[in-house]
């Protein structure tokens, strides 16, 4: 009887501590260890960086792998969709590649990068450095279209809604700013966060999740900048988030505040405030994002082997 009661209590505690089920989707061959990976918008492919500048892309679910034509430099940021891939380098260079992995445009930002984002058609690139607010560039011509503004500090995260008619920037002065395609400021609201680190849009672009230094995740209406809900604190700073396509669930990368090591993958159902955790070894996670139907994790548990898992 006592054993049965102990088992029930353990299950209850486990349900409080952990979020959704993590289910393996596909196992992939990889060239050694990946430093980081990203799920390309829509989930039709993933991209990963190995070594300083080796970039590979895998089609899903087939697992077909190809190399992207990066020649040199140290890659620090990456984003992709079905039309293009943008790689940001430590020296401030951003290179945009087409779907076949050929270089389309090289933009020299001169300073260390803080954030990059691509429009859904791959024609616009939004970039920020550690010294600048968001800038929007035309990929075909390499022309700077406009530069945003902050009261102080730089932009730390950027999202472009699928239709391209709104660019959302999270800024170091704790404000969230929305811009129209011509750079006109649509709204500026104080998030109240100590410092925002990342944001993620829903598939239709109507909502976005925002997280940062104090370990909470916030859900916003993209059109107005109105906050819709806020999670409890995870107890760790959150450096990356992914909002599910329907805009109701979030996964979050939690880092130890002192060692900056990955300590948990948080999970938040936006209908309440409880922050849970996924039952995975956080140090195996190389990246995450969303597919057309849900959330995906990219994990590496052995050299040369990566796993793409769904969060259900």
Protein backbone atom coordinates (compact mmCIF):
# COMPACT_ATOMS: atom_id res chain seq x y z
CA UNK A 1 0.00 0.00 0.00
CA UNK A 2 2.79 2.40 0.93
CA UNK A 3 4.67 1.49 -2.24
CA UNK A 4 1.58 2.16 -4.37
CA UNK A 5 1.02 5.52 -2.66
CA UNK A 6 4.66 6.46 -3.18
CA UNK A 7 4.33 5.63 -6.87
CA UNK A 8 1.23 7.81 -7.20
CA UNK A 9 2.96 10.71 -5.46
CA UNK A 10 6.01 10.34 -7.69
CA UNK A 11 3.82 10.47 -10.81
CA UNK A 12 2.04 13.55 -9.51
CA UNK A 13 5.35 15.32 -8.87
CA UNK A 14 6.65 14.29 -12.28
CA UNK A 15 3.57 15.74 -13.95
CA UNK A 16 4.16 19.03 -12.16
CA UNK A 17 7.83 19.17 -13.04
CA UNK A 18 7.77 18.24 -16.70
CA UNK A 19 5.90 19.45 -19.75
CA UNK A 20 4.91 17.68 -22.92
CA UNK A 21 6.15 14.40 -24.39
CA UNK A 22 9.25 14.51 -26.57
CA UNK A 23 8.94 12.06 -29.48
CA UNK A 24 11.77 11.19 -31.91
CA UNK A 25 10.87 12.00 -35.52
CA UNK A 26 14.01 11.21 -37.50
CA UNK A 27 17.65 10.28 -36.88
CA UNK A 28 20.23 12.03 -39.07
CA UNK A 29 23.87 11.55 -39.95
CA UNK A 30 26.01 14.57 -39.09
CA UNK A 31 29.64 15.52 -39.78
CA UNK A 32 30.88 15.28 -36.21
CA UNK A 33 29.69 17.71 -33.53
CA UNK A 34 27.34 20.59 -34.29
CA UNK A 35 27.95 23.84 -32.41
CA UNK A 36 24.36 24.89 -32.94
CA UNK A 37 21.41 24.25 -35.22
CA UNK A 38 18.22 25.98 -36.30
CA UNK A 39 14.86 24.71 -37.52
CA UNK A 40 14.03 26.47 -40.76
CA UNK A 41 10.63 28.16 -40.82
CA UNK A 42 7.91 25.61 -41.59
CA UNK A 43 10.03 22.65 -40.46
CA UNK A 44 10.85 21.37 -43.94
CA UNK A 45 14.56 21.47 -43.16
CA UNK A 46 17.13 22.19 -40.47
CA UNK A 47 20.54 23.81 -40.70
CA UNK A 48 23.54 23.30 -38.46
CA UNK A 49 27.00 24.79 -37.97
CA UNK A 50 30.02 22.56 -37.31
CA UNK A 51 33.50 23.85 -36.62
CA UNK A 52 33.93 27.55 -37.32
CA UNK A 53 32.23 27.87 -40.70
CA UNK A 54 30.97 24.50 -41.96
CA UNK A 55 27.22 24.74 -42.57
CA UNK A 56 24.97 21.83 -43.50
CA UNK A 57 21.28 21.62 -44.29
CA UNK A 58 19.06 18.54 -43.97
CA UNK A 59 15.72 18.07 -45.71
CA UNK A 60 13.01 16.60 -43.51
CA UNK A 61 11.87 13.90 -43.17
CA UNK A 62 14.17 12.35 -45.82
CA UNK A 63 17.37 13.37 -44.04
CA UNK A 64 19.08 14.33 -47.31
CA UNK A 65 22.10 16.48 -46.43
CA UNK A 66 23.93 19.13 -48.43
CA UNK A 67 26.74 21.56 -47.71
CA UNK A 68 26.23 25.32 -47.83
CA UNK A 69 28.98 27.25 -49.62
CA UNK A 70 30.62 29.03 -46.69
CA UNK A 71 34.34 29.60 -47.27
CA UNK A 72 35.74 31.15 -44.12
CA UNK A 73 34.99 33.12 -40.94
CA UNK A 74 33.41 32.16 -37.63
CA UNK A 75 29.61 31.77 -37.78
CA UNK A 76 27.77 33.00 -34.70
CA UNK A 77 24.11 33.31 -35.84
CA UNK A 78 21.91 31.61 -38.39
CA UNK A 79 18.31 31.72 -39.61
CA UNK A 80 16.58 30.03 -42.53
CA UNK A 81 13.34 29.25 -44.34
CA UNK A 82 12.45 27.38 -47.52
CA UNK A 83 13.71 30.24 -49.70
CA UNK A 84 16.97 31.33 -48.10
CA UNK A 85 19.50 30.90 -45.30
CA UNK A 86 21.33 33.77 -43.59
CA UNK A 87 24.56 33.18 -41.70
CA UNK A 88 26.00 35.83 -39.41
CA UNK A 89 29.73 35.92 -38.70
CA UNK A 90 31.64 37.10 -35.65
CA UNK A 91 33.16 40.02 -37.60
CA UNK A 92 29.69 41.39 -38.42
CA UNK A 93 29.35 40.00 -41.93
CA UNK A 94 25.98 38.53 -42.91
CA UNK A 95 25.80 36.21 -45.93
CA UNK A 96 22.48 35.21 -47.50
CA UNK A 97 22.34 31.92 -49.44
CA UNK A 98 19.60 30.70 -51.78
CA UNK A 99 17.73 27.41 -51.35
CA UNK A 100 20.48 25.56 -53.23
CA UNK A 101 23.20 26.89 -50.90
CA UNK A 102 24.67 29.45 -53.29
CA UNK A 103 25.69 32.89 -52.02
CA UNK A 104 23.21 35.64 -52.97
CA UNK A 105 24.30 38.64 -50.93
CA UNK A 106 27.05 39.64 -48.52
CA UNK A 107 26.44 42.56 -46.14
CA UNK A 108 29.20 44.02 -43.97
CA UNK A 109 27.79 45.27 -40.66
CA UNK A 110 31.29 46.01 -39.21
CA UNK A 111 30.32 45.11 -35.62
CA UNK A 112 29.46 41.92 -33.74
CA UNK A 113 25.95 40.73 -34.55
CA UNK A 114 23.08 40.57 -32.07
CA UNK A 115 20.16 39.31 -34.20
CA UNK A 116 19.17 38.36 -37.75
CA UNK A 117 15.80 37.56 -39.35
CA UNK A 118 14.62 36.77 -42.88
CA UNK A 119 11.30 37.62 -44.49
CA UNK A 120 9.27 34.59 -45.59
CA UNK A 121 10.12 35.22 -49.27
CA UNK A 122 13.81 35.71 -48.50
CA UNK A 123 13.83 39.17 -50.10
CA UNK A 124 14.34 41.17 -46.91
CA UNK A 125 16.95 40.76 -44.19
CA UNK A 126 16.63 42.36 -40.75
CA UNK A 127 19.88 42.72 -38.80
CA UNK A 128 21.08 44.27 -35.55
CA UNK A 129 24.56 44.53 -34.07
CA UNK A 130 25.63 45.04 -30.47
CA UNK A 131 25.92 48.73 -31.37
CA UNK A 132 22.79 49.28 -33.46
CA UNK A 133 19.01 49.01 -33.52
CA UNK A 134 17.27 46.88 -36.15
CA UNK A 135 18.10 47.58 -39.79
CA UNK A 136 16.17 46.31 -42.81
CA UNK A 137 18.07 45.42 -45.99
CA UNK A 138 17.00 44.51 -49.51
CA UNK A 139 18.73 41.22 -50.37
CA UNK A 140 18.65 41.60 -54.16
CA UNK A 141 20.31 45.02 -54.26
CA UNK A 142 22.18 44.99 -50.94
CA UNK A 143 20.60 48.36 -50.13
CA UNK A 144 19.87 49.51 -46.58
CA UNK A 145 16.17 50.42 -46.53
CA UNK A 146 15.88 51.89 -43.02
CA UNK A 147 17.19 51.86 -39.48
CA UNK A 148 15.06 51.67 -36.33
CA UNK A 149 15.68 53.52 -33.09
CA UNK A 150 16.11 52.91 -29.37
CA UNK A 151 16.39 55.21 -26.35
CA UNK A 152 19.66 53.44 -25.54
CA UNK A 153 21.29 50.11 -26.29
CA UNK A 154 20.79 47.85 -29.29
CA UNK A 155 18.12 45.53 -30.66
CA UNK A 156 18.49 42.02 -29.23
CA UNK A 157 15.83 40.05 -31.16
CA UNK A 158 13.82 40.51 -34.37
CA UNK A 159 10.75 38.95 -35.95
CA UNK A 160 9.23 39.58 -39.40
CA UNK A 161 5.57 38.56 -39.78
CA UNK A 162 4.93 36.20 -42.73
CA UNK A 163 3.25 38.87 -44.89
CA UNK A 164 6.21 41.18 -44.28
CA UNK A 165 3.99 44.10 -43.22
CA UNK A 166 5.33 44.26 -39.65
CA UNK A 167 8.82 43.96 -38.16
CA UNK A 168 8.96 43.46 -34.39
CA UNK A 169 12.12 44.37 -32.47
CA UNK A 170 12.96 43.66 -28.83
CA UNK A 171 15.41 46.30 -27.65
CA UNK A 172 17.95 46.60 -24.86
CA UNK A 173 16.09 49.59 -23.40
CA UNK A 174 13.36 47.03 -22.49
CA UNK A 175 10.97 48.33 -25.16
CA UNK A 176 9.27 46.35 -27.90
CA UNK A 177 8.89 48.25 -31.15
CA UNK A 178 6.79 47.45 -34.19
CA UNK A 179 7.65 48.94 -37.61
CA UNK A 180 5.84 48.92 -40.92
CA UNK A 181 7.75 47.81 -44.07
CA UNK A 182 8.96 51.37 -44.69
CA UNK A 183 10.36 51.77 -41.19
CA UNK A 184 7.56 53.84 -39.70
CA UNK A 185 7.17 53.20 -35.97
CA UNK A 186 3.78 51.55 -35.35
CA UNK A 187 4.15 51.18 -31.56
CA UNK A 188 6.68 51.27 -28.75
CA UNK A 189 5.78 49.61 -25.45
CA UNK A 190 7.82 48.87 -22.34
CA UNK A 191 7.98 45.12 -21.84
CA UNK A 192 8.94 45.47 -18.21
CA UNK A 193 11.62 42.81 -18.71
CA UNK A 194 15.01 43.33 -17.14
CA UNK A 195 16.53 42.65 -20.56
CA UNK A 196 14.88 40.84 -23.49
CA UNK A 197 17.01 38.22 -25.25
CA UNK A 198 14.78 36.53 -27.83
CA UNK A 199 11.34 36.59 -29.45
CA UNK A 200 9.40 34.15 -31.62
CA UNK A 201 6.32 34.74 -33.79
CA UNK A 202 3.36 32.41 -34.25
CA UNK A 203 2.89 30.96 -37.74
CA UNK A 204 0.35 33.63 -38.71
CA UNK A 205 2.40 36.40 -37.11
CA UNK A 206 -0.46 37.56 -34.88
CA UNK A 207 1.31 36.74 -31.60
CA UNK A 208 4.86 36.59 -30.36
CA UNK A 209 6.64 35.21 -27.30
CA UNK A 210 9.36 37.22 -25.58
CA UNK A 211 11.86 36.15 -22.90
CA UNK A 212 15.01 37.36 -21.26
CA UNK A 213 17.22 37.83 -18.24
CA UNK A 214 14.70 37.35 -15.43
CA UNK A 215 13.51 33.95 -16.68
CA UNK A 216 9.87 34.66 -17.53
CA UNK A 217 8.17 34.31 -20.93
CA UNK A 218 5.59 36.84 -22.11
CA UNK A 219 2.98 36.51 -24.86
CA UNK A 220 2.06 39.57 -26.94
CA UNK A 221 -0.34 40.68 -29.63
CA UNK A 222 1.88 41.55 -32.60
CA UNK A 223 -0.34 44.25 -34.10
CA UNK A 224 -0.59 46.37 -30.95
CA UNK A 225 2.24 45.27 -28.65
CA UNK A 226 -0.31 44.46 -25.94
CA UNK A 227 0.79 41.82 -23.45
CA UNK A 228 -1.62 38.88 -23.31
CA UNK A 229 -0.08 36.70 -20.60
CA UNK A 230 3.09 36.07 -18.64
CA UNK A 231 4.61 32.90 -17.21
CA UNK A 232 6.05 32.43 -13.78
CA UNK A 233 9.84 32.64 -13.51
CA UNK A 234 11.86 29.61 -14.52
CA UNK A 235 14.58 30.62 -12.07
CA UNK A 236 17.14 30.95 -14.90
CA UNK A 237 17.70 33.50 -17.65
CA UNK A 238 16.13 32.47 -20.96
CA UNK A 239 18.26 33.02 -24.06
CA UNK A 240 16.05 31.52 -26.80
CA UNK A 241 12.34 30.80 -27.30
CA UNK A 242 10.14 29.15 -29.92
CA UNK A 243 6.40 29.78 -30.10
CA UNK A 244 4.28 26.96 -31.53
CA UNK A 245 2.49 27.67 -34.85
CA UNK A 246 -0.89 28.27 -33.18
CA UNK A 247 0.66 30.63 -30.65
CA UNK A 248 -0.35 28.68 -27.54
CA UNK A 249 2.80 26.82 -26.43
CA UNK A 250 6.42 27.90 -25.94
CA UNK A 251 9.72 26.12 -25.43
CA UNK A 252 12.60 28.04 -23.89
CA UNK A 253 16.35 27.58 -23.50
CA UNK A 254 17.38 28.15 -19.87
CA UNK A 255 21.02 28.90 -19.05
CA UNK A 256 22.80 28.99 -15.73
CA UNK A 257 23.31 32.67 -14.89
CA UNK A 258 26.92 32.17 -13.75
CA UNK A 259 28.40 29.54 -16.05
CA UNK A 260 26.07 30.20 -19.04
CA UNK A 261 25.58 26.46 -19.48
CA UNK A 262 22.35 24.91 -20.71
CA UNK A 263 20.44 23.70 -17.66
CA UNK A 264 16.87 23.11 -18.91
CA UNK A 265 14.44 23.33 -21.78
CA UNK A 266 11.40 25.08 -20.39
CA UNK A 267 7.83 24.52 -21.56
CA UNK A 268 4.96 26.98 -21.14
CA UNK A 269 1.29 26.52 -22.03
CA UNK A 270 0.19 30.13 -22.48
CA UNK A 271 -3.28 29.48 -21.09
CA UNK A 272 -1.84 29.53 -17.55
CA UNK A 273 1.35 30.75 -15.84
CA UNK A 274 3.10 27.49 -14.94
CA UNK A 275 6.58 27.00 -16.37
CA UNK A 276 7.42 23.31 -16.81
CA UNK A 277 10.44 21.52 -18.28
CA UNK A 278 10.90 18.98 -21.03
CA UNK A 279 12.28 15.60 -19.99
CA UNK A 280 15.44 15.85 -22.09
CA UNK A 281 19.12 16.30 -21.29
CA UNK A 282 19.48 20.02 -21.99
CA UNK A 283 23.15 19.81 -22.99
CA UNK A 284 22.24 17.59 -25.96
CA UNK A 285 19.99 20.28 -27.45
CA UNK A 286 21.62 22.12 -30.35
CA UNK A 287 18.61 24.17 -31.37
CA UNK A 288 14.83 24.26 -31.75
CA UNK A 289 12.01 25.89 -33.66
CA UNK A 290 8.62 25.22 -35.17
CA UNK A 291 7.27 23.21 -38.07
CA UNK A 292 3.91 23.78 -39.72
CA UNK A 293 2.25 21.66 -37.05
CA UNK A 294 4.28 21.89 -33.85
CA UNK A 295 7.58 22.41 -32.06
CA UNK A 296 10.83 20.63 -32.92
CA UNK A 297 14.08 19.99 -31.02
CA UNK A 298 17.45 19.25 -32.63
CA UNK A 299 19.57 17.12 -30.30
CA UNK A 300 23.01 15.53 -30.54
CA UNK A 301 23.70 12.65 -28.20
CA UNK A 302 26.72 11.21 -30.04
CA UNK A 303 29.30 12.48 -32.51
CA UNK A 304 27.97 12.16 -36.05
CA UNK A 305 24.41 11.48 -34.92
CA UNK A 306 21.61 14.01 -34.45
CA UNK A 307 17.95 13.55 -33.67
CA UNK A 308 15.01 15.74 -34.63
CA UNK A 309 12.25 15.37 -32.03
CA UNK A 310 8.71 16.71 -31.82
CA UNK A 311 7.23 18.21 -28.65
CA UNK A 312 3.70 16.83 -28.26
